[in-house]
């Protein structure tokens, strides 16, 4: 497994942690996992059985 990058939603600080480590905290709250950018659209016509289906950041902001 590869290392994961977490970011603080308040101050923007980032921290890289190894697999199996606990979620880091910053500004007295858990940091959020920073996801890789999506590289393919999410529509049925482009579905690939062999494609890796890992979570990714589709660029939408749900905090509004």
Protein backbone atom coordinates (compact mmCIF):
# COMPACT_ATOMS: atom_id res chain seq x y z
CA UNK A 1 0.00 0.00 0.00
CA UNK A 2 1.12 3.53 -0.64
CA UNK A 3 1.32 6.37 1.85
CA UNK A 4 -1.72 8.60 2.31
CA UNK A 5 -1.80 12.39 2.42
CA UNK A 6 -4.12 14.15 4.86
CA UNK A 7 -4.92 17.87 4.97
CA UNK A 8 -6.37 20.18 7.60
CA UNK A 9 -9.61 21.86 6.52
CA UNK A 10 -8.88 24.86 8.78
CA UNK A 11 -5.22 25.77 8.25
CA UNK A 12 -4.37 23.78 5.10
CA UNK A 13 -1.40 21.93 6.61
CA UNK A 14 -0.68 18.53 5.02
CA UNK A 15 0.77 15.36 6.53
CA UNK A 16 1.83 12.11 4.83
CA UNK A 17 1.28 8.92 6.86
CA UNK A 18 2.21 5.30 6.28
CA UNK A 19 -0.44 2.59 5.88
CA UNK A 20 -1.85 1.42 9.20
CA UNK A 21 -1.20 4.69 11.04
CA UNK A 22 -4.08 6.52 12.71
CA UNK A 23 -5.71 9.56 11.11
CA UNK A 24 -3.65 12.59 12.19
CA UNK A 25 -5.20 15.55 13.99
CA UNK A 26 -4.61 19.26 13.43
CA UNK A 27 -6.35 22.30 14.92
CA UNK A 28 -8.04 19.95 17.41
CA UNK A 29 -9.89 17.90 14.78
CA UNK A 30 -9.14 14.93 12.49
CA UNK A 31 -7.48 15.78 9.20
CA UNK A 32 -9.25 14.81 5.95
CA UNK A 33 -7.85 12.37 3.42
CA UNK A 34 -6.59 14.12 0.31
CA UNK A 35 -7.76 12.12 -2.70
CA UNK A 36 -6.10 11.90 -6.11
CA UNK A 37 -7.80 13.74 -8.97
CA UNK A 38 -10.20 11.62 -11.02
CA UNK A 39 -8.76 10.58 -14.36
CA UNK A 40 -11.90 9.21 -16.03
CA UNK A 41 -15.55 10.27 -16.11
CA UNK A 42 -18.17 8.44 -14.08
CA UNK A 43 -20.57 7.29 -16.77
CA UNK A 44 -21.63 3.81 -17.82
CA UNK A 45 -20.27 4.19 -21.36
CA UNK A 46 -16.70 4.58 -20.10
CA UNK A 47 -16.79 1.79 -17.51
CA UNK A 48 -13.83 -0.57 -17.64
CA UNK A 49 -13.78 -3.86 -15.76
CA UNK A 50 -9.99 -3.82 -15.50
CA UNK A 51 -9.80 -0.19 -14.34
CA UNK A 52 -8.82 0.48 -10.75
CA UNK A 53 -11.87 1.85 -8.91
CA UNK A 54 -10.20 3.77 -6.09
CA UNK A 55 -11.84 6.83 -4.53
CA UNK A 56 -10.87 10.12 -6.17
CA UNK A 57 -11.58 13.85 -6.03
CA UNK A 58 -14.05 14.78 -8.77
CA UNK A 59 -13.56 18.50 -8.15
CA UNK A 60 -16.91 19.16 -6.51
CA UNK A 61 -16.96 20.92 -3.16
CA UNK A 62 -19.61 19.50 -0.83
CA UNK A 63 -18.81 21.82 2.07
CA UNK A 64 -20.92 24.69 0.70
